[in-house]
């Protein structure tokens, strides 16, 4: 069209036939393509079935998927007469189409979100590992993040239970310096009892009590819609290279959580906010003024009914804990906290134990005793003191005294009476009295009682000598004169001595 070349010359330069060139010129084609005619394939009657198989296998793990050779053999059994190569080509095309769909319409379309200072926070759980006390442990990590300033806190727990959830909120609000107006969650079982249509939720009554105490509104995402709380979801991904690689190594869970809190505060000062000027710490300083002041901590325990066994024990999480003997064979209330267990009955607190969490099932169950709980029993059965399992944990001074008293006849009864003193007196005072008795080499009940009463009354034994003041020295000391007794005889009637 520009150089006015004849069709014959164009054919010579391009190597195409004159008829082909005429066809392209008449069609006005911009980019000529060879049109491949549609030819029927032997796989067409089986294409729908093969696509369904590929979709089912894509949802399985790699080790459980069937191979394309197995697909070809199954199709041959159904009457397919084509080659394996045709099946492999179909599978390649199907995978390319599926990947393209996931990268476009399958990923969805979203609207960027913006939050006012103090408006909301987001909460989520993750599963990570750490070395605690020399053993690799699987942990449930709570992530709580302010939506405006993007300040965050991580706290590790052995389980995702109610008491752990309440404790995570309390520590998060303490670190943030206040409470936002709204909390955004997924539909976790500790918060939602039933998911209804749309945004309808039946909220767990205990979780609702916690939100009412801290005065914030809970909001729940649609099912399988993690992008609705995308900030904390991103925080879960970013935390793994920042905090969990390499795997943290600490003596216990408390030390790990203390390190996590310090490390999060350090990361606030290092990570740029991305939208606002400055770091996350700079944005948090501005947002803190918009947070509601922190109320007292929510008493976030989970209450369970237990019956005390004849051996004064209750069971919880494969372990057993002692209870005062006066409540044996009776129902009690067990209040479960993240770090302790509180036993209550008849409106009063009976005892408290440190919670023992053992996730490894190859470890045997443990029994946690408090020897004071069994004092009422051994007062009736003093012979049980010798081999009683709870009394293996007596303080050192009590054990030394027990070794000496049990060698004497009636020593078990005497030792029981000494131990029973802690029911009426301060235990530390009784322990000091026993130590003093052992030091003086008089390990008897009478001497321990004497020393205990002296300690209670403020008296001391074996004190320093008293230096007599000079004012108390006699100016004229009396002389011994036995003749004075003879002068008394004259005053007696008859002049004779009374004898």
Protein backbone atom coordinates (compact mmCIF):
# COMPACT_ATOMS: atom_id res chain seq x y z
CA UNK A 1 0.00 0.00 0.00
CA UNK A 2 2.92 2.35 0.65
CA UNK A 3 5.59 1.05 -1.77
CA UNK A 4 3.01 0.03 -4.43
CA UNK A 5 4.60 -3.39 -4.89
CA UNK A 6 2.79 -5.93 -7.06
CA UNK A 7 1.46 -9.13 -5.50
CA UNK A 8 4.01 -11.17 -7.44
CA UNK A 9 6.90 -9.24 -5.79
CA UNK A 10 5.30 -9.61 -2.32
CA UNK A 11 5.00 -13.35 -2.89
CA UNK A 12 8.67 -13.52 -3.90
CA UNK A 13 9.83 -11.65 -0.76
CA UNK A 14 7.60 -13.43 1.76
CA UNK A 15 7.58 -16.90 0.29
CA UNK A 16 3.79 -17.04 0.44
CA UNK A 17 1.58 -17.91 -2.47
CA UNK A 18 -0.24 -15.18 -4.39
CA UNK A 19 -3.60 -16.66 -3.43
CA UNK A 20 -2.70 -16.51 0.26
CA UNK A 21 -1.60 -12.91 -0.05
CA UNK A 22 -4.81 -11.99 -1.85
CA UNK A 23 -6.85 -13.68 0.90
CA UNK A 24 -5.08 -11.73 3.68
CA UNK A 25 -5.42 -8.42 1.80
CA UNK A 26 -9.11 -8.95 1.13
CA UNK A 27 -9.78 -10.01 4.77
CA UNK A 28 -7.96 -6.97 6.23
CA UNK A 29 -6.08 -9.23 8.71
CA UNK A 30 -3.62 -7.43 10.99
CA UNK A 31 -1.73 -10.53 12.16
CA UNK A 32 -2.25 -13.51 9.88
CA UNK A 33 -2.64 -16.81 11.72
CA UNK A 34 -2.99 -20.33 10.50
CA UNK A 35 -6.47 -21.52 11.44
CA UNK A 36 -6.29 -25.02 12.84
CA UNK A 37 -9.43 -26.89 11.94
CA UNK A 38 -11.29 -28.53 14.80
CA UNK A 39 -10.85 -32.25 14.59
CA UNK A 40 -12.71 -34.72 16.79
CA UNK A 41 -10.58 -36.53 19.42
CA UNK A 42 -10.99 -39.99 20.87
CA UNK A 43 -10.81 -38.35 24.30
CA UNK A 44 -13.86 -36.09 23.77
CA UNK A 45 -16.42 -38.59 25.19
CA UNK A 46 -14.25 -38.99 28.32
CA UNK A 47 -13.12 -35.36 28.77
CA UNK A 48 -15.73 -34.47 31.39
CA UNK A 49 -14.96 -37.56 33.46
CA UNK A 50 -11.20 -36.96 33.25
CA UNK A 51 -11.60 -33.31 34.32
CA UNK A 52 -13.62 -34.42 37.36
CA UNK A 53 -10.89 -36.90 38.30
CA UNK A 54 -8.20 -34.22 38.01
CA UNK A 55 -10.21 -31.83 40.21
CA UNK A 56 -10.70 -34.50 42.89
CA UNK A 57 -7.02 -35.44 42.91
CA UNK A 58 -5.95 -31.80 43.16
CA UNK A 59 -7.56 -31.62 46.60
CA UNK A 60 -5.50 -34.54 47.93
CA UNK A 61 -1.96 -34.53 49.27
CA UNK A 62 0.82 -35.13 46.78
CA UNK A 63 1.55 -38.63 48.07
CA UNK A 64 -2.07 -39.73 47.73
CA UNK A 65 -2.70 -38.52 44.16
CA UNK A 66 -3.07 -40.99 41.28
CA UNK A 67 -0.67 -40.73 38.36
CA UNK A 68 -1.60 -39.96 34.75
CA UNK A 69 -0.72 -43.56 33.83
CA UNK A 70 -3.39 -44.73 36.27
CA UNK A 71 -5.86 -42.29 34.70
CA UNK A 72 -5.05 -43.68 31.24
CA UNK A 73 -5.52 -47.25 32.47
CA UNK A 74 -8.89 -46.37 34.03
CA UNK A 75 -10.05 -44.70 30.81
CA UNK A 76 -8.97 -47.72 28.76
CA UNK A 77 -11.10 -49.87 31.07
CA UNK A 78 -14.04 -47.59 30.21
CA UNK A 79 -13.47 -48.01 26.44
CA UNK A 80 -10.93 -45.30 25.58
CA UNK A 81 -8.74 -46.34 22.63
CA UNK A 82 -6.41 -43.31 22.51
CA UNK A 83 -2.78 -43.00 23.62
CA UNK A 84 -1.28 -41.95 26.96
CA UNK A 85 0.13 -38.80 25.33
CA UNK A 86 -3.36 -37.50 24.59
CA UNK A 87 -4.33 -37.92 28.27
CA UNK A 88 -1.14 -36.14 29.41
CA UNK A 89 -1.78 -33.23 26.99
CA UNK A 90 -5.33 -32.85 28.31
CA UNK A 91 -4.02 -32.81 31.92
CA UNK A 92 -1.47 -30.10 31.08
CA UNK A 93 -4.12 -27.89 29.48
CA UNK A 94 -6.47 -28.45 32.42
CA UNK A 95 -3.80 -27.41 34.94
CA UNK A 96 -2.92 -24.25 32.97
CA UNK A 97 -6.58 -23.23 32.80
CA UNK A 98 -7.06 -23.91 36.52
CA UNK A 99 -3.98 -21.87 37.46
CA UNK A 100 -5.13 -18.97 35.28
CA UNK A 101 -8.54 -19.06 36.95
CA UNK A 102 -7.04 -19.00 40.45
CA UNK A 103 -4.80 -16.05 39.56
CA UNK A 104 -7.66 -13.95 38.15
CA UNK A 105 -11.29 -14.41 39.14
CA UNK A 106 -10.47 -17.06 41.72
CA UNK A 107 -8.54 -14.56 43.86
CA UNK A 108 -11.47 -12.17 44.09
CA UNK A 109 -11.62 -8.41 44.20
CA UNK A 110 -11.16 -6.43 47.41
CA UNK A 111 -11.53 -2.90 48.80
CA UNK A 112 -8.69 -1.35 50.85
CA UNK A 113 -9.66 -0.74 54.49
CA UNK A 114 -8.81 2.21 56.73
CA UNK A 115 -9.37 2.46 60.50
CA UNK A 116 -9.58 5.45 62.82
CA UNK A 117 -7.31 5.62 65.90
CA UNK A 118 -8.70 3.42 68.66
CA UNK A 119 -11.45 2.05 66.43
CA UNK A 120 -10.62 -1.66 66.23
CA UNK A 121 -8.20 -4.49 66.82
CA UNK A 122 -7.87 -7.87 65.09
CA UNK A 123 -7.28 -11.24 66.77
CA UNK A 124 -6.15 -14.62 65.49
CA UNK A 125 -4.39 -17.85 66.52
CA UNK A 126 -1.43 -19.61 64.93
CA UNK A 127 0.44 -22.83 65.62
CA UNK A 128 4.21 -22.66 66.15
CA UNK A 129 6.97 -24.57 67.91
CA UNK A 130 9.55 -23.74 70.55
CA UNK A 131 11.98 -25.60 72.81
CA UNK A 132 10.82 -25.41 76.43
CA UNK A 133 12.92 -27.02 79.12
CA UNK A 134 14.94 -28.92 76.53
CA UNK A 135 11.89 -30.45 74.79
CA UNK A 136 10.29 -29.38 71.51
CA UNK A 137 6.73 -28.23 72.22
CA UNK A 138 3.80 -27.34 69.96
CA UNK A 139 2.28 -24.00 71.00
CA UNK A 140 -0.89 -22.06 70.23
CA UNK A 141 0.12 -18.44 69.70
CA UNK A 142 -2.37 -15.58 70.17
CA UNK A 143 -1.90 -12.58 67.83
CA UNK A 144 -3.61 -9.30 68.75
CA UNK A 145 -3.04 -6.24 66.56
CA UNK A 146 -4.33 -2.65 66.56
CA UNK A 147 -5.89 -1.89 63.18
CA UNK A 148 -4.79 1.79 62.99
CA UNK A 149 -1.24 1.87 64.35
CA UNK A 150 -0.56 -1.83 63.55
CA UNK A 151 1.01 -2.38 66.96
CA UNK A 152 0.91 -6.08 67.78
CA UNK A 153 1.56 -8.59 70.57
CA UNK A 154 2.21 -12.33 70.50
CA UNK A 155 1.61 -14.62 73.46
CA UNK A 156 2.09 -18.40 73.52
CA UNK A 157 -0.16 -20.95 75.25
CA UNK A 158 -0.42 -24.73 75.29
CA UNK A 159 -4.11 -24.71 74.19
CA UNK A 160 -6.75 -22.51 72.55
CA UNK A 161 -9.18 -22.59 75.47
CA UNK A 162 -11.33 -19.87 77.03
CA UNK A 163 -8.96 -19.09 79.88
CA UNK A 164 -6.06 -18.73 77.42
CA UNK A 165 -8.17 -16.45 75.20
CA UNK A 166 -9.13 -14.17 78.11
CA UNK A 167 -5.54 -14.00 79.32
CA UNK A 168 -4.29 -13.03 75.84
CA UNK A 169 -6.75 -10.12 75.68
CA UNK A 170 -5.72 -8.85 79.12
CA UNK A 171 -2.01 -8.86 78.30
CA UNK A 172 -2.67 -7.29 74.90
CA UNK A 173 -4.69 -4.41 76.37
CA UNK A 174 -2.03 -3.89 79.06
CA UNK A 175 0.72 -3.57 76.43
CA UNK A 176 -1.42 -1.31 74.19
CA UNK A 177 -2.33 0.90 77.14
CA UNK A 178 -6.12 0.74 76.65
CA UNK A 179 -9.05 -0.94 74.93
CA UNK A 180 -10.21 -0.22 71.32
CA UNK A 181 -13.89 0.07 70.50
CA UNK A 182 -14.24 -3.06 68.37
CA UNK A 183 -12.64 -6.49 68.02
CA UNK A 184 -12.54 -8.41 64.72
CA UNK A 185 -12.41 -12.23 64.90
CA UNK A 186 -12.93 -15.30 62.79
CA UNK A 187 -15.57 -17.82 63.88
CA UNK A 188 -13.44 -19.59 66.49
CA UNK A 189 -15.24 -22.07 68.73
CA UNK A 190 -14.30 -20.25 71.94
CA UNK A 191 -16.22 -17.18 70.72
CA UNK A 192 -19.03 -18.46 68.48
CA UNK A 193 -21.35 -21.32 69.42
CA UNK A 194 -23.26 -21.31 66.12
CA UNK A 195 -22.80 -19.52 62.77
CA UNK A 196 -26.07 -18.31 61.28
CA UNK A 197 -26.98 -16.72 57.96
CA UNK A 198 -24.98 -13.67 56.97
CA UNK A 199 -23.62 -11.92 60.05
CA UNK A 200 -25.92 -13.73 62.46
CA UNK A 201 -23.93 -15.37 65.26
CA UNK A 202 -24.76 -17.12 68.53
CA UNK A 203 -21.95 -15.75 70.68
CA UNK A 204 -20.55 -17.85 73.53
CA UNK A 205 -21.91 -16.53 76.83
CA UNK A 206 -18.51 -16.57 78.57
CA UNK A 207 -16.85 -14.74 75.66
CA UNK A 208 -19.67 -12.19 75.67
CA UNK A 209 -19.11 -11.59 79.39
CA UNK A 210 -15.47 -10.77 78.64
CA UNK A 211 -16.38 -8.30 75.85
CA UNK A 212 -18.93 -6.61 78.13
CA UNK A 213 -16.35 -6.31 80.90
CA UNK A 214 -13.81 -4.58 78.64
CA UNK A 215 -16.61 -2.67 76.84
CA UNK A 216 -15.83 -3.41 73.19
CA UNK A 217 -18.01 -4.78 70.39
CA UNK A 218 -17.10 -8.16 68.87
CA UNK A 219 -17.36 -8.50 65.08
CA UNK A 220 -17.00 -11.79 63.23
CA UNK A 221 -15.81 -12.39 59.66
CA UNK A 222 -17.72 -14.38 57.10
CA UNK A 223 -16.77 -18.08 57.07
CA UNK A 224 -13.52 -18.79 55.16
CA UNK A 225 -12.94 -15.05 54.62
CA UNK A 226 -9.63 -14.41 56.33
CA UNK A 227 -9.01 -11.30 54.22
CA UNK A 228 -11.60 -9.46 56.33
CA UNK A 229 -8.95 -9.35 59.06
CA UNK A 230 -6.00 -9.24 56.72
CA UNK A 231 -3.70 -7.27 59.01
CA UNK A 232 -3.47 -9.96 61.67
CA UNK A 233 -3.35 -12.69 58.99
CA UNK A 234 -0.31 -10.93 57.55
CA UNK A 235 1.11 -10.62 61.05
CA UNK A 236 0.94 -14.41 61.43
CA UNK A 237 2.99 -14.84 58.25
CA UNK A 238 5.55 -12.16 59.16
CA UNK A 239 6.02 -13.42 62.72
CA UNK A 240 7.47 -16.76 61.66
CA UNK A 241 10.72 -15.44 60.13
CA UNK A 242 10.93 -12.66 62.73
CA UNK A 243 10.32 -14.65 65.92
CA UNK A 244 10.13 -18.40 65.33
CA UNK A 245 13.13 -18.95 63.02
CA UNK A 246 15.41 -20.13 64.47
CA UNK A 247 13.26 -21.95 67.01
CA UNK A 248 13.24 -20.13 70.40
CA UNK A 249 14.76 -22.00 73.34
CA UNK A 250 13.66 -21.10 76.90
CA UNK A 251 13.38 -22.91 80.23
CA UNK A 252 9.60 -22.48 80.48
CA UNK A 253 6.56 -20.82 78.92
CA UNK A 254 6.71 -17.75 81.18
CA UNK A 255 10.25 -16.94 80.00
CA UNK A 256 9.19 -17.37 76.37
CA UNK A 257 6.24 -14.98 76.76
CA UNK A 258 8.40 -12.38 78.49
CA UNK A 259 10.83 -12.54 75.56
CA UNK A 260 7.99 -12.33 73.01
CA UNK A 261 6.66 -9.17 74.64
CA UNK A 262 10.10 -7.50 74.67
CA UNK A 263 10.75 -8.52 71.07
CA UNK A 264 7.39 -7.18 69.87
CA UNK A 265 8.10 -3.79 71.46
CA UNK A 266 11.49 -3.73 69.74
CA UNK A 267 9.89 -4.54 66.37
CA UNK A 268 7.46 -1.63 66.80
CA UNK A 269 10.45 0.73 66.71
CA UNK A 270 12.01 -1.05 63.71
CA UNK A 271 9.07 -1.66 61.34
CA UNK A 272 7.86 1.31 59.25
CA UNK A 273 4.11 1.82 59.34
CA UNK A 274 3.79 1.87 55.55
CA UNK A 275 0.85 4.30 55.36
CA UNK A 276 1.49 6.81 58.13
CA UNK A 277 4.85 8.56 58.55
CA UNK A 278 7.30 6.99 60.95
CA UNK A 279 7.36 3.58 62.56
CA UNK A 280 4.64 1.47 64.18
CA UNK A 281 5.74 2.83 67.56
CA UNK A 282 5.20 6.41 66.38
CA UNK A 283 1.67 5.61 65.20
CA UNK A 284 0.91 3.76 68.45
CA UNK A 285 1.83 6.82 70.53
CA UNK A 286 -0.84 8.80 68.66
CA UNK A 287 -3.43 6.02 68.86
CA UNK A 288 -2.99 5.37 72.57
CA UNK A 289 -4.78 8.62 73.41
CA UNK A 290 -7.91 7.34 71.61
CA UNK A 291 -8.07 4.05 73.55
CA UNK A 292 -10.46 3.56 76.46
CA UNK A 293 -8.66 3.42 79.84
CA UNK A 294 -7.96 -0.11 80.95
CA UNK A 295 -10.48 -1.48 83.50
CA UNK A 296 -9.58 -4.11 86.14
CA UNK A 297 -8.70 -7.54 84.76
CA UNK A 298 -11.57 -9.82 83.80
CA UNK A 299 -11.72 -12.86 86.09
CA UNK A 300 -11.33 -15.16 83.13
CA UNK A 301 -11.61 -18.62 84.63
CA UNK A 302 -13.49 -21.62 83.31
CA UNK A 303 -15.50 -23.39 86.01
CA UNK A 304 -15.89 -27.16 86.16
CA UNK A 305 -17.59 -29.43 88.66
CA UNK A 306 -15.43 -32.13 90.24
CA UNK A 307 -15.93 -34.79 92.92
CA UNK A 308 -13.07 -35.30 95.37
CA UNK A 309 -11.85 -38.89 95.62
CA UNK A 310 -11.44 -40.77 98.94
CA UNK A 311 -7.71 -40.03 98.65
CA UNK A 312 -8.48 -36.26 98.59
CA UNK A 313 -7.65 -35.82 94.88
CA UNK A 314 -9.35 -34.33 91.82
CA UNK A 315 -8.37 -35.01 88.19
CA UNK A 316 -7.73 -32.44 85.47
CA UNK A 317 -5.91 -32.93 82.14
CA UNK A 318 -4.48 -36.36 83.08
CA UNK A 319 -3.01 -34.96 86.32
CA UNK A 320 -4.34 -35.11 89.89
CA UNK A 321 -4.34 -32.36 92.52
CA UNK A 322 -4.90 -32.61 96.28
CA UNK A 323 -7.82 -31.01 98.15
CA UNK A 324 -8.28 -30.52 101.94
CA UNK A 325 -9.35 -33.79 103.54
CA UNK A 326 -12.56 -32.32 104.97
CA UNK A 327 -13.98 -32.26 101.42
CA UNK A 328 -13.18 -35.88 100.52
CA UNK A 329 -16.04 -37.61 98.64
CA UNK A 330 -17.78 -34.27 98.14
CA UNK A 331 -18.40 -32.10 95.05
CA UNK A 332 -16.26 -29.00 94.56
CA UNK A 333 -15.88 -26.32 91.91
CA UNK A 334 -12.62 -26.16 89.92
CA UNK A 335 -11.76 -22.74 88.49
CA UNK A 336 -9.29 -23.11 85.64
CA UNK A 337 -6.86 -20.27 84.88
CA UNK A 338 -4.01 -20.35 82.33
CA UNK A 339 -1.35 -20.74 85.03
CA UNK A 340 -3.19 -22.01 88.13
CA UNK A 341 -6.13 -24.05 89.41
CA UNK A 342 -8.38 -22.77 92.21
CA UNK A 343 -10.68 -25.14 94.13
CA UNK A 344 -13.76 -23.59 95.72
CA UNK A 345 -16.76 -24.91 97.67
CA UNK A 346 -19.51 -23.48 99.84
CA UNK A 347 -18.61 -19.95 98.78
CA UNK A 348 -14.98 -20.08 99.89
CA UNK A 349 -11.60 -20.81 98.32
CA UNK A 350 -10.25 -24.14 99.53
CA UNK A 351 -6.83 -24.28 97.88
CA UNK A 352 -4.80 -23.25 94.85
CA UNK A 353 -2.31 -25.19 92.72
CA UNK A 354 0.06 -24.25 89.94
CA UNK A 355 -1.32 -25.68 86.70
CA UNK A 356 0.80 -28.45 85.17
CA UNK A 357 0.49 -28.68 81.36
CA UNK A 358 1.86 -31.83 79.74
CA UNK A 359 1.21 -32.13 76.00
CA UNK A 360 3.41 -35.23 75.60
CA UNK A 361 1.32 -38.34 76.12
CA UNK A 362 4.40 -40.52 76.51
CA UNK A 363 4.99 -38.86 79.89
CA UNK A 364 3.18 -40.46 82.86
CA UNK A 365 0.44 -38.50 84.66
CA UNK A 366 1.55 -36.48 87.68
CA UNK A 367 0.05 -36.08 91.15
CA UNK A 368 0.52 -32.71 92.83
CA UNK A 369 0.21 -32.95 96.64
CA UNK A 370 -0.02 -30.38 99.39
CA UNK A 371 0.87 -32.19 102.64
CA UNK A 372 -1.18 -29.71 104.68
CA UNK A 373 -4.36 -31.11 103.10
CA UNK A 374 -3.77 -34.47 104.80
CA UNK A 375 -3.13 -33.29 108.38
CA UNK A 376 -6.70 -34.06 109.43
CA UNK A 377 -6.30 -37.63 108.15
CA UNK A 378 -3.00 -38.44 109.88
CA UNK A 379 -4.34 -37.10 113.17
CA UNK A 380 -6.71 -40.07 113.06
CA UNK A 381 -4.24 -42.39 111.32
CA UNK A 382 -0.75 -41.42 112.49
CA UNK A 383 0.76 -44.61 111.05
CA UNK A 384 0.17 -43.26 107.54
CA UNK A 385 2.83 -40.62 108.15
CA UNK A 386 5.70 -43.08 107.67
CA UNK A 387 4.96 -43.94 104.03
CA UNK A 388 2.44 -41.27 103.08
CA UNK A 389 3.15 -40.00 99.56
CA UNK A 390 2.13 -36.37 100.31
CA UNK A 391 4.68 -36.17 103.16
CA UNK A 392 7.61 -36.93 100.90
CA UNK A 393 7.57 -33.19 100.07
CA UNK A 394 7.90 -31.92 103.66
CA UNK A 395 10.42 -29.09 104.28
CA UNK A 396 13.92 -30.25 105.15
CA UNK A 397 13.66 -29.42 108.88
CA UNK A 398 10.41 -31.41 109.21
CA UNK A 399 11.97 -34.39 107.44
CA UNK A 400 15.01 -34.32 109.75
CA UNK A 401 12.75 -34.16 112.79
CA UNK A 402 10.65 -37.02 111.41
CA UNK A 403 13.76 -39.21 111.03
CA UNK A 404 14.51 -38.75 114.73
CA UNK A 405 11.00 -39.01 116.19
CA UNK A 406 10.02 -42.15 114.26
CA UNK A 407 12.89 -44.02 115.92
CA UNK A 408 11.21 -43.65 119.31
CA UNK A 409 8.08 -45.47 120.50
CA UNK A 410 5.07 -43.28 119.86
CA UNK A 411 7.15 -41.01 117.64
CA UNK A 412 4.60 -41.05 114.82
CA UNK A 413 1.94 -39.56 117.10
CA UNK A 414 4.42 -36.98 118.40
CA UNK A 415 5.42 -35.98 114.85
CA UNK A 416 1.76 -35.66 113.83
CA UNK A 417 1.14 -33.30 116.76
CA UNK A 418 4.10 -31.16 115.72
CA UNK A 419 2.92 -30.98 112.09
CA UNK A 420 -0.59 -30.10 113.27
CA UNK A 421 0.82 -26.92 114.83
CA UNK A 422 0.75 -25.31 111.36
CA UNK A 423 -3.08 -25.43 111.52
CA UNK A 424 -3.06 -22.95 114.42
CA UNK A 425 0.24 -21.05 114.07
CA UNK A 426 2.28 -19.50 111.31
CA UNK A 427 4.05 -22.26 109.39
CA UNK A 428 7.31 -20.34 109.21
CA UNK A 429 7.33 -19.87 112.99
CA UNK A 430 6.80 -23.60 113.52
CA UNK A 431 9.59 -24.35 111.06
CA UNK A 432 11.98 -22.01 112.89
CA UNK A 433 11.11 -23.65 116.22
CA UNK A 434 11.86 -27.08 114.76
CA UNK A 435 15.19 -25.85 113.36
CA UNK A 436 16.13 -24.43 116.78
CA UNK A 437 15.19 -27.71 118.49
CA UNK A 438 17.32 -29.68 116.05
CA UNK A 439 20.25 -27.31 116.56
CA UNK A 440 20.01 -27.72 120.35
CA UNK A 441 19.81 -31.51 120.03
CA UNK A 442 16.44 -31.76 121.83
CA UNK A 443 14.04 -32.90 119.09
CA UNK A 444 10.95 -33.43 121.24
CA UNK A 445 7.40 -32.16 121.05
CA UNK A 446 7.64 -30.42 124.44
CA UNK A 447 10.79 -28.53 123.51
CA UNK A 448 9.37 -27.50 120.11
CA UNK A 449 6.24 -26.17 121.83
CA UNK A 450 8.36 -24.26 124.34
CA UNK A 451 10.44 -22.66 121.58
CA UNK A 452 7.35 -21.87 119.49
CA UNK A 453 5.65 -20.08 122.39
CA UNK A 454 8.80 -18.08 123.05
CA UNK A 455 8.91 -17.03 119.39
CA UNK A 456 5.25 -16.07 119.38
CA UNK A 457 5.51 -14.14 122.67
CA UNK A 458 8.66 -12.36 121.52
CA UNK A 459 10.90 -13.96 124.16
CA UNK A 460 14.40 -15.15 123.39
CA UNK A 461 16.37 -18.05 124.79
CA UNK A 462 20.11 -18.08 125.31
CA UNK A 463 20.35 -14.29 125.14
CA UNK A 464 23.40 -12.21 126.16
CA UNK A 465 24.32 -11.63 129.81
CA UNK A 466 23.06 -8.53 131.64
CA UNK A 467 25.66 -5.99 132.80
CA UNK A 468 24.58 -4.75 136.27
CA UNK A 469 24.60 -0.94 136.61
CA UNK A 470 26.89 0.64 139.22
CA UNK A 471 23.89 2.16 141.05
CA UNK A 472 22.81 -1.29 142.22
CA UNK A 473 26.09 -2.06 144.09
CA UNK A 474 25.68 -2.09 147.93
CA UNK A 475 27.54 0.65 149.77
CA UNK A 476 27.89 -1.42 153.01
CA UNK A 477 27.77 -5.13 152.62
CA UNK A 478 26.25 -7.06 155.62
CA UNK A 479 28.48 -9.27 157.73
CA UNK A 480 27.53 -12.77 158.82
CA UNK A 481 26.61 -12.75 162.57
CA UNK A 482 25.06 -15.97 163.89
CA UNK A 483 24.83 -14.50 167.42
CA UNK A 484 21.86 -12.46 166.26
CA UNK A 485 19.84 -15.63 166.30
CA UNK A 486 20.59 -15.99 170.04
CA UNK A 487 19.16 -12.54 170.65
CA UNK A 488 15.91 -13.73 169.20
CA UNK A 489 15.68 -16.44 171.89
CA UNK A 490 15.21 -13.86 174.59
CA UNK A 491 12.10 -12.52 172.89
CA UNK A 492 10.41 -15.92 172.97
CA UNK A 493 8.22 -16.64 175.95
CA UNK A 494 9.99 -18.72 178.56
CA UNK A 495 13.37 -17.75 177.29
CA UNK A 496 13.65 -20.94 175.35
CA UNK A 497 13.99 -21.54 171.59
CA UNK A 498 10.94 -22.61 169.70
CA UNK A 499 12.60 -25.92 168.89
